[in-house]
Amino acid sequence: MPSLRHAFLLNAVRELGRSVPDIARTRASWDACLERIREACTTTLGMEYDTLTRFDARSVVSLFTHPEQARILARLVDERARLCEAHGRYADALADSVYAGQLLMCSRARFGLPRDARAADVLEREAGTPSPLPQAGE
């Protein structure tokens, strides 16, 4: 059973890796990018993005059985923060960045630093690092 759960999580992380470039490419269109983020959340976590983000980070992390799940959601929330910043919605971008940080903090508190660090390594290896935001004038 644990190997099946691990395979599911690894598949979710790989799916996120496939989705993130699409999300970054559609950042110019608010609706298209937001829809990609929602689709990625449903595909990777099996839960709706809008539902998960309505609750506080501690409650959401308590739903998860592995730190990879919290990291996936934090990555998607961070992508939404980048979308908000690209569209000049700085207050929303800041709120999303804070929420992503809270998800990571709660993940470390719940799963412990060693497990969360391994989850971070897996996510970076499979999904890559977030693409940088274009600077003004680019």
N, C-alpha and C. Protein backbone atom coordinates (compact mmCIF):
# COMPACT_ATOMS: atom_id res chain seq x y z
N MET A 1 0.80 -1.20 0.00
CA MET A 1 0.00 0.00 0.00
C MET A 1 0.85 1.27 0.00
N PRO A 2 1.91 1.36 0.82
CA PRO A 2 2.72 2.58 0.78
C PRO A 2 3.35 2.84 -0.59
N SER A 3 3.72 1.79 -1.33
CA SER A 3 4.33 2.00 -2.64
C SER A 3 3.30 2.53 -3.64
N LEU A 4 2.05 2.11 -3.52
CA LEU A 4 1.00 2.63 -4.38
C LEU A 4 0.75 4.10 -4.09
N ARG A 5 0.75 4.47 -2.82
CA ARG A 5 0.57 5.88 -2.43
C ARG A 5 1.74 6.72 -2.94
N HIS A 6 2.95 6.17 -2.83
CA HIS A 6 4.13 6.88 -3.31
C HIS A 6 4.05 7.08 -4.83
N ALA A 7 3.63 6.05 -5.56
CA ALA A 7 3.49 6.16 -7.02
C ALA A 7 2.45 7.22 -7.39
N PHE A 8 1.35 7.27 -6.64
CA PHE A 8 0.33 8.28 -6.89
C PHE A 8 0.89 9.69 -6.70
N LEU A 9 1.64 9.88 -5.62
CA LEU A 9 2.20 11.20 -5.34
C LEU A 9 3.25 11.59 -6.38
N LEU A 10 4.08 10.64 -6.77
CA LEU A 10 5.09 10.94 -7.78
C LEU A 10 4.42 11.30 -9.10
N ASN A 11 3.34 10.61 -9.44
CA ASN A 11 2.59 10.94 -10.64
C ASN A 11 1.98 12.34 -10.53
N ALA A 12 1.49 12.70 -9.34
CA ALA A 12 0.92 14.04 -9.14
C ALA A 12 1.98 15.12 -9.32
N VAL A 13 3.17 14.87 -8.81
CA VAL A 13 4.26 15.84 -8.95
C VAL A 13 4.66 15.97 -10.41
N ARG A 14 4.73 14.85 -11.12
CA ARG A 14 5.08 14.89 -12.56
C ARG A 14 4.00 15.62 -13.35
N GLU A 15 2.75 15.41 -12.99
CA GLU A 15 1.65 16.11 -13.65
C GLU A 15 1.77 17.61 -13.42
N LEU A 16 2.14 18.00 -12.22
CA LEU A 16 2.37 19.41 -11.94
C LEU A 16 3.50 19.94 -12.83
N GLY A 17 4.55 19.15 -12.98
CA GLY A 17 5.67 19.55 -13.84
C GLY A 17 5.23 19.78 -15.27
N ARG A 18 4.27 18.99 -15.75
CA ARG A 18 3.75 19.19 -17.10
C ARG A 18 2.83 20.40 -17.17
N SER A 19 2.16 20.74 -16.09
CA SER A 19 1.19 21.83 -16.08
C SER A 19 1.83 23.20 -15.91
N VAL A 20 2.90 23.27 -15.15
CA VAL A 20 3.50 24.57 -14.81
C VAL A 20 3.93 25.37 -16.04
N PRO A 21 4.57 24.77 -17.06
CA PRO A 21 4.91 25.57 -18.25
C PRO A 21 3.68 26.14 -18.95
N ASP A 22 2.59 25.37 -18.99
CA ASP A 22 1.35 25.88 -19.59
C ASP A 22 0.81 27.07 -18.79
N ILE A 23 0.88 26.96 -17.48
CA ILE A 23 0.43 28.06 -16.62
C ILE A 23 1.26 29.31 -16.90
N ALA A 24 2.57 29.14 -16.98
CA ALA A 24 3.45 30.29 -17.21
C ALA A 24 3.19 30.92 -18.58
N ARG A 25 2.92 30.10 -19.59
CA ARG A 25 2.67 30.63 -20.94
C ARG A 25 1.36 31.41 -21.02
N THR A 26 0.39 31.05 -20.20
CA THR A 26 -0.92 31.70 -20.30
C THR A 26 -1.06 32.86 -19.32
N ARG A 27 0.02 33.28 -18.67
CA ARG A 27 -0.07 34.36 -17.68
C ARG A 27 -0.60 35.67 -18.25
N ALA A 28 -0.48 35.86 -19.54
CA ALA A 28 -0.96 37.11 -20.13
C ALA A 28 -2.49 37.20 -20.08
N SER A 29 -3.16 36.06 -20.07
CA SER A 29 -4.62 36.03 -20.01
C SER A 29 -5.06 35.58 -18.62
N TRP A 30 -5.72 36.48 -17.90
CA TRP A 30 -6.16 36.19 -16.53
C TRP A 30 -7.01 34.92 -16.47
N ASP A 31 -8.07 34.88 -17.28
CA ASP A 31 -9.01 33.76 -17.22
C ASP A 31 -8.37 32.44 -17.62
N ALA A 32 -7.59 32.44 -18.68
CA ALA A 32 -6.96 31.20 -19.16
C ALA A 32 -5.96 30.67 -18.13
N CYS A 33 -5.19 31.55 -17.55
CA CYS A 33 -4.18 31.13 -16.57
C CYS A 33 -4.85 30.61 -15.30
N LEU A 34 -5.85 31.29 -14.84
CA LEU A 34 -6.56 30.86 -13.64
C LEU A 34 -7.22 29.50 -13.87
N GLU A 35 -7.75 29.29 -15.06
CA GLU A 35 -8.35 27.99 -15.39
C GLU A 35 -7.29 26.89 -15.41
N ARG A 36 -6.11 27.18 -15.91
CA ARG A 36 -5.01 26.19 -15.91
C ARG A 36 -4.61 25.83 -14.48
N ILE A 37 -4.56 26.82 -13.59
CA ILE A 37 -4.22 26.57 -12.19
C ILE A 37 -5.28 25.67 -11.57
N ARG A 38 -6.54 25.96 -11.83
CA ARG A 38 -7.62 25.13 -11.29
C ARG A 38 -7.56 23.71 -11.83
N GLU A 39 -7.31 23.57 -13.13
CA GLU A 39 -7.19 22.24 -13.73
C GLU A 39 -6.02 21.46 -13.14
N ALA A 40 -4.89 22.14 -12.94
CA ALA A 40 -3.71 21.48 -12.39
C ALA A 40 -3.99 20.99 -10.97
N CYS A 41 -4.71 21.77 -10.20
CA CYS A 41 -5.03 21.37 -8.83
C CYS A 41 -5.93 20.14 -8.83
N THR A 42 -6.93 20.14 -9.68
CA THR A 42 -7.84 19.00 -9.76
C THR A 42 -7.10 17.76 -10.24
N THR A 43 -6.23 17.93 -11.23
CA THR A 43 -5.49 16.80 -11.79
C THR A 43 -4.49 16.23 -10.79
N THR A 44 -3.77 17.09 -10.10
CA THR A 44 -2.70 16.62 -9.22
C THR A 44 -3.19 16.21 -7.84
N LEU A 45 -4.11 16.97 -7.27
CA LEU A 45 -4.56 16.70 -5.90
C LEU A 45 -5.94 16.07 -5.81
N GLY A 46 -6.70 16.14 -6.91
CA GLY A 46 -8.04 15.59 -6.90
C GLY A 46 -9.02 16.45 -6.11
N MET A 47 -8.65 17.70 -5.87
CA MET A 47 -9.50 18.62 -5.11
C MET A 47 -9.56 19.95 -5.85
N GLU A 48 -10.62 20.70 -5.62
CA GLU A 48 -10.78 21.98 -6.30
C GLU A 48 -9.95 23.06 -5.63
N TYR A 49 -9.28 23.83 -6.46
CA TYR A 49 -8.40 24.90 -5.99
C TYR A 49 -9.17 25.92 -5.16
N ASP A 50 -10.29 26.38 -5.69
CA ASP A 50 -11.06 27.42 -4.99
C ASP A 50 -11.56 26.95 -3.63
N THR A 51 -11.90 25.69 -3.52
CA THR A 51 -12.36 25.15 -2.24
C THR A 51 -11.21 25.09 -1.25
N LEU A 52 -10.07 24.57 -1.68
CA LEU A 52 -8.92 24.45 -0.79
C LEU A 52 -8.44 25.80 -0.26
N THR A 53 -8.43 26.80 -1.13
CA THR A 53 -7.88 28.09 -0.73
C THR A 53 -8.84 28.94 0.11
N ARG A 54 -10.02 28.46 0.34
CA ARG A 54 -10.97 29.18 1.21
C ARG A 54 -10.68 28.95 2.69
N PHE A 55 -9.93 27.92 2.99
CA PHE A 55 -9.66 27.56 4.38
C PHE A 55 -8.26 27.99 4.78
N ASP A 56 -8.03 28.08 6.08
CA ASP A 56 -6.70 28.45 6.55
C ASP A 56 -5.71 27.33 6.23
N ALA A 57 -4.44 27.68 6.16
CA ALA A 57 -3.39 26.75 5.74
C ALA A 57 -3.31 25.53 6.64
N ARG A 58 -3.44 25.72 7.93
CA ARG A 58 -3.33 24.59 8.86
C ARG A 58 -4.42 23.56 8.61
N SER A 59 -5.64 24.01 8.38
CA SER A 59 -6.74 23.09 8.10
C SER A 59 -6.53 22.34 6.79
N VAL A 60 -6.05 23.05 5.79
CA VAL A 60 -5.83 22.42 4.48
C VAL A 60 -4.72 21.37 4.58
N VAL A 61 -3.62 21.71 5.23
CA VAL A 61 -2.51 20.76 5.36
C VAL A 61 -2.95 19.54 6.17
N SER A 62 -3.87 19.71 7.10
CA SER A 62 -4.34 18.55 7.88
C SER A 62 -5.11 17.56 7.02
N LEU A 63 -5.59 17.98 5.85
CA LEU A 63 -6.27 17.08 4.92
C LEU A 63 -5.30 16.15 4.20
N PHE A 64 -4.06 16.58 4.09
CA PHE A 64 -3.08 15.85 3.29
C PHE A 64 -2.39 14.76 4.10
N THR A 65 -1.98 13.70 3.40
CA THR A 65 -1.28 12.60 4.05
C THR A 65 0.23 12.65 3.80
N HIS A 66 0.67 13.51 2.85
CA HIS A 66 2.09 13.61 2.53
C HIS A 66 2.46 15.07 2.31
N PRO A 67 3.70 15.44 2.63
CA PRO A 67 4.12 16.82 2.44
C PRO A 67 4.15 17.25 0.98
N GLU A 68 4.30 16.30 0.05
CA GLU A 68 4.29 16.64 -1.37
C GLU A 68 2.98 17.32 -1.76
N GLN A 69 1.89 16.89 -1.17
CA GLN A 69 0.59 17.48 -1.49
C GLN A 69 0.54 18.94 -1.05
N ALA A 70 1.05 19.23 0.11
CA ALA A 70 1.08 20.63 0.58
C ALA A 70 1.98 21.47 -0.31
N ARG A 71 3.10 20.91 -0.73
CA ARG A 71 4.02 21.64 -1.60
C ARG A 71 3.42 21.89 -2.97
N ILE A 72 2.66 20.92 -3.49
CA ILE A 72 2.00 21.11 -4.78
C ILE A 72 1.02 22.28 -4.69
N LEU A 73 0.19 22.28 -3.65
CA LEU A 73 -0.76 23.37 -3.49
C LEU A 73 -0.04 24.70 -3.30
N ALA A 74 1.03 24.72 -2.52
CA ALA A 74 1.79 25.95 -2.33
C ALA A 74 2.35 26.45 -3.66
N ARG A 75 2.80 25.54 -4.50
CA ARG A 75 3.32 25.93 -5.82
C ARG A 75 2.22 26.54 -6.68
N LEU A 76 1.03 25.94 -6.64
CA LEU A 76 -0.08 26.49 -7.41
C LEU A 76 -0.53 27.84 -6.88
N VAL A 77 -0.54 28.01 -5.57
CA VAL A 77 -0.89 29.31 -4.99
C VAL A 77 0.17 30.35 -5.38
N ASP A 78 1.43 29.94 -5.40
CA ASP A 78 2.50 30.84 -5.83
C ASP A 78 2.33 31.23 -7.29
N GLU A 79 1.90 30.29 -8.12
CA GLU A 79 1.65 30.61 -9.54
C GLU A 79 0.53 31.63 -9.66
N ARG A 80 -0.49 31.51 -8.83
CA ARG A 80 -1.57 32.50 -8.85
C ARG A 80 -1.05 33.86 -8.38
N ALA A 81 -0.15 33.86 -7.40
CA ALA A 81 0.45 35.13 -6.96
C ALA A 81 1.20 35.78 -8.10
N ARG A 82 1.92 34.99 -8.88
CA ARG A 82 2.64 35.53 -10.05
C ARG A 82 1.67 36.08 -11.09
N LEU A 83 0.54 35.40 -11.26
CA LEU A 83 -0.49 35.87 -12.17
C LEU A 83 -1.04 37.21 -11.70
N CYS A 84 -1.34 37.30 -10.41
CA CYS A 84 -1.86 38.56 -9.85
C CYS A 84 -0.85 39.68 -10.04
N GLU A 85 0.42 39.41 -9.79
CA GLU A 85 1.44 40.43 -9.96
C GLU A 85 1.54 40.88 -11.41
N ALA A 86 1.47 39.93 -12.33
CA ALA A 86 1.56 40.26 -13.76
C ALA A 86 0.40 41.15 -14.20
N HIS A 87 -0.72 41.07 -13.51
CA HIS A 87 -1.89 41.86 -13.86
C HIS A 87 -2.10 43.05 -12.93
N GLY A 88 -1.09 43.39 -12.14
CA GLY A 88 -1.15 44.58 -11.30
C GLY A 88 -2.02 44.45 -10.06
N ARG A 89 -2.36 43.25 -9.69
CA ARG A 89 -3.19 43.03 -8.49
C ARG A 89 -2.25 42.68 -7.34
N TYR A 90 -1.55 43.68 -6.85
CA TYR A 90 -0.47 43.48 -5.90
C TYR A 90 -0.95 43.02 -4.52
N ALA A 91 -2.10 43.49 -4.08
CA ALA A 91 -2.61 43.05 -2.78
C ALA A 91 -2.96 41.56 -2.82
N ASP A 92 -3.58 41.13 -3.92
CA ASP A 92 -3.89 39.71 -4.08
C ASP A 92 -2.62 38.87 -4.19
N ALA A 93 -1.63 39.40 -4.90
CA ALA A 93 -0.36 38.69 -5.04
C ALA A 93 0.31 38.51 -3.68
N LEU A 94 0.30 39.55 -2.88
CA LEU A 94 0.89 39.46 -1.54
C LEU A 94 0.13 38.46 -0.68
N ALA A 95 -1.19 38.51 -0.73
CA ALA A 95 -2.00 37.57 0.07
C ALA A 95 -1.72 36.12 -0.35
N ASP A 96 -1.60 35.87 -1.65
CA ASP A 96 -1.31 34.52 -2.12
C ASP A 96 0.10 34.08 -1.73
N SER A 97 1.05 34.99 -1.78
CA SER A 97 2.42 34.65 -1.37
C SER A 97 2.48 34.29 0.11
N VAL A 98 1.76 35.05 0.91
CA VAL A 98 1.71 34.76 2.35
C VAL A 98 1.06 33.41 2.59
N TYR A 99 -0.03 33.13 1.88
CA TYR A 99 -0.74 31.86 2.04
C TYR A 99 0.15 30.68 1.62
N ALA A 100 0.89 30.83 0.53
CA ALA A 100 1.81 29.77 0.10
C ALA A 100 2.87 29.52 1.18
N GLY A 101 3.39 30.58 1.76
CA GLY A 101 4.35 30.43 2.85
C GLY A 101 3.75 29.75 4.07
N GLN A 102 2.51 30.08 4.38
CA GLN A 102 1.83 29.44 5.50
C GLN A 102 1.62 27.95 5.24
N LEU A 103 1.30 27.59 4.00
CA LEU A 103 1.16 26.17 3.66
C LEU A 103 2.47 25.42 3.90
N LEU A 104 3.57 26.02 3.49
CA LEU A 104 4.87 25.38 3.68
C LEU A 104 5.22 25.29 5.16
N MET A 105 4.95 26.33 5.91
CA MET A 105 5.23 26.34 7.34
C MET A 105 4.40 25.26 8.05
N CYS A 106 3.13 25.17 7.71
CA CYS A 106 2.26 24.16 8.32
C CYS A 106 2.67 22.75 7.91
N SER A 107 3.17 22.60 6.70
CA SER A 107 3.66 21.30 6.25
C SER A 107 4.86 20.87 7.08
N ARG A 108 5.76 21.79 7.32
CA ARG A 108 6.93 21.47 8.15
C ARG A 108 6.53 21.15 9.58
N ALA A 109 5.54 21.88 10.09
CA ALA A 109 5.08 21.62 11.45
C ALA A 109 4.39 20.26 11.55
N ARG A 110 3.64 19.89 10.53
CA ARG A 110 2.89 18.63 10.59
C ARG A 110 3.76 17.42 10.26
N PHE A 111 4.56 17.52 9.21
CA PHE A 111 5.30 16.35 8.73
C PHE A 111 6.73 16.31 9.22
N GLY A 112 7.22 17.39 9.77
CA GLY A 112 8.60 17.44 10.23
C GLY A 112 9.53 17.94 9.15
N LEU A 113 10.60 18.54 9.55
CA LEU A 113 11.56 19.14 8.62
C LEU A 113 12.17 18.13 7.65
N PRO A 114 12.62 16.94 8.09
CA PRO A 114 13.24 16.01 7.13
C PRO A 114 12.29 15.56 6.02
N ARG A 115 11.04 15.23 6.37
CA ARG A 115 10.09 14.80 5.33
C ARG A 115 9.73 15.94 4.40
N ASP A 116 9.57 17.14 4.95
CA ASP A 116 9.24 18.29 4.12
C ASP A 116 10.40 18.63 3.19
N ALA A 117 11.63 18.50 3.68
CA ALA A 117 12.80 18.78 2.84
C ALA A 117 12.89 17.78 1.69
N ARG A 118 12.59 16.51 1.96
CA ARG A 118 12.58 15.51 0.88
C ARG A 118 11.49 15.84 -0.13
N ALA A 119 10.34 16.29 0.36
CA ALA A 119 9.25 16.67 -0.54
C ALA A 119 9.67 17.83 -1.42
N ALA A 120 10.39 18.78 -0.88
CA ALA A 120 10.88 19.92 -1.65
C ALA A 120 11.84 19.45 -2.74
N ASP A 121 12.72 18.51 -2.41
CA ASP A 121 13.66 17.98 -3.40
C ASP A 121 12.93 17.27 -4.53
N VAL A 122 11.94 16.47 -4.19
CA VAL A 122 11.17 15.74 -5.21
C VAL A 122 10.45 16.73 -6.11
N LEU A 123 9.82 17.73 -5.52
CA LEU A 123 9.08 18.71 -6.31
C LEU A 123 10.01 19.49 -7.23
N GLU A 124 11.16 19.90 -6.74
CA GLU A 124 12.09 20.66 -7.58
C GLU A 124 12.63 19.79 -8.71
N ARG A 125 12.93 18.53 -8.41
CA ARG A 125 13.47 17.63 -9.43
C ARG A 125 12.44 17.33 -10.51
N GLU A 126 11.20 17.08 -10.13
CA GLU A 126 10.17 16.67 -11.09
C GLU A 126 9.45 17.85 -11.75
N ALA A 127 9.18 18.90 -11.00
CA ALA A 127 8.40 20.02 -11.53
C ALA A 127 9.26 21.21 -11.93
N GLY A 128 10.50 21.23 -11.49
CA GLY A 128 11.37 22.35 -11.82
C GLY A 128 11.16 23.52 -10.89
N THR A 129 11.92 24.56 -11.12
CA THR A 129 11.80 25.76 -10.31
C THR A 129 10.83 26.72 -11.00
N PRO A 130 10.17 27.57 -10.25
CA PRO A 130 9.25 28.52 -10.86
C PRO A 130 9.97 29.42 -11.85
N SER A 131 9.29 29.72 -12.96
CA SER A 131 9.89 30.60 -13.96
C SER A 131 9.91 32.02 -13.43
N PRO A 132 10.97 32.77 -13.75
CA PRO A 132 11.04 34.15 -13.25
C PRO A 132 9.99 35.02 -13.94
N LEU A 133 9.56 36.02 -13.22
CA LEU A 133 8.62 36.98 -13.78
C LEU A 133 9.35 37.90 -14.74
N PRO A 134 8.73 38.30 -15.84
CA PRO A 134 9.39 39.27 -16.72
C PRO A 134 9.50 40.61 -16.01
N GLN A 135 10.61 41.26 -16.22
CA GLN A 135 10.85 42.57 -15.61
C GLN A 135 10.21 43.65 -16.48
N ALA A 136 9.98 44.80 -15.90
CA ALA A 136 9.39 45.92 -16.63
C ALA A 136 10.26 46.27 -17.83
N GLY A 137 9.63 46.45 -18.97
CA GLY A 137 10.36 46.81 -20.18
C GLY A 137 10.80 45.63 -21.01
N GLU A 138 10.51 44.41 -20.57
CA GLU A 138 10.92 43.22 -21.34
C GLU A 138 9.83 42.84 -22.31
